Protein backbone atom coordinates (compact mmCIF):
# COMPACT_ATOMS: atom_id res chain seq x y z
CA MET A 1 -11.55 23.00 -13.61
CA ALA A 2 -9.75 22.26 -10.32
CA ARG A 3 -6.52 20.33 -10.43
CA VAL A 4 -6.46 17.03 -8.54
CA ASP A 5 -3.10 15.89 -7.25
CA LYS A 6 -2.16 12.26 -7.71
CA VAL A 7 -3.01 10.09 -4.73
CA LYS A 8 -0.03 8.21 -3.30
CA ILE A 9 0.46 5.48 -0.75
CA ASN A 10 2.36 6.58 2.35
CA LYS A 11 5.36 4.24 2.14
CA GLY A 12 6.57 5.07 5.65
CA LEU A 13 3.21 4.20 7.14
CA VAL A 14 3.06 0.96 5.15
CA GLU A 15 6.48 -0.02 6.49
CA SER A 16 5.40 0.83 10.03
CA ARG A 17 2.22 -1.24 9.70
CA MET A 18 4.22 -4.13 8.22
CA SER A 19 6.22 -4.23 11.43
CA VAL A 20 3.06 -4.13 13.57
CA VAL A 21 1.45 -7.07 11.74
CA GLY A 22 4.66 -9.09 11.58
CA LEU A 23 5.56 -8.77 7.91
CA GLY A 24 9.31 -8.55 7.40
CA SER A 25 9.52 -7.42 3.80
CA GLN A 26 7.63 -5.99 0.86
CA LEU A 27 7.75 -9.47 -0.64
CA ASP A 28 5.90 -10.81 2.42
CA LEU A 29 3.35 -8.00 2.12
CA ALA A 30 2.82 -8.70 -1.58
CA GLU A 31 2.17 -12.37 -0.84
CA VAL A 32 -0.28 -11.72 2.02
CA ALA A 33 -2.10 -9.01 0.04
CA GLY A 34 -2.27 -11.12 -3.12
CA LEU A 35 -0.31 -8.61 -5.18
CA ASP A 36 2.53 -8.95 -7.65
CA TYR A 37 5.76 -7.82 -5.93
CA PRO A 38 7.04 -5.58 -8.77
CA ASN A 39 3.64 -3.85 -8.90
CA LEU A 40 3.61 -3.35 -5.12
CA ASN A 41 7.09 -1.86 -5.28
CA ARG A 42 6.03 0.58 -8.01
CA ILE A 43 2.95 1.61 -6.01
CA LEU A 44 5.03 2.23 -2.88
CA ASN A 45 7.31 4.42 -4.98
CA GLY A 46 4.50 6.63 -6.27
CA ALA A 47 2.85 4.77 -9.17
CA ALA A 48 -0.91 4.89 -9.70
CA PHE A 49 -3.03 2.11 -8.24
CA ALA A 50 -6.58 0.79 -8.32
CA SER A 51 -8.99 1.09 -5.41
CA GLN A 52 -9.02 -2.72 -5.16
CA THR A 53 -5.27 -2.64 -4.55
CA LEU A 54 -5.74 -0.16 -1.73
CA GLY A 55 -8.33 -2.49 -0.23
CA LYS A 56 -5.99 -5.47 -0.43
CA LEU A 57 -3.18 -3.52 1.21
CA SER A 58 -5.36 -2.22 4.02
CA LYS A 59 -6.71 -5.71 4.70
CA ALA A 60 -3.19 -7.19 4.82
CA LEU A 61 -1.98 -4.36 7.06
CA LYS A 62 -5.13 -4.47 9.25
CA CYS A 63 -5.93 -0.77 8.92
CA HIS A 64 -8.42 1.55 7.23
CA PRO A 65 -7.62 2.33 3.57
CA ALA A 66 -7.57 6.08 4.25
CA GLU A 67 -4.69 5.58 6.67
CA LEU A 68 -2.44 4.45 3.81
CA ILE A 69 -2.91 7.54 1.64
CA GLU A 70 -0.56 10.52 1.79
């Protein structure tokens, strides 16, 4: 069976997109995306996440979900 590497959010890209859409902090992003801040912070630091979370982040950052994945 082939090994599948864990999918991660590209934190640098998220921070770049935050600047583009006018969000000054991860706390602002969490609020706009409808996410819990501690959970968002864990995700940006490599924790697993649900596809719905990816959708919420991409909507808040006004980009395609695939753009956020490393």
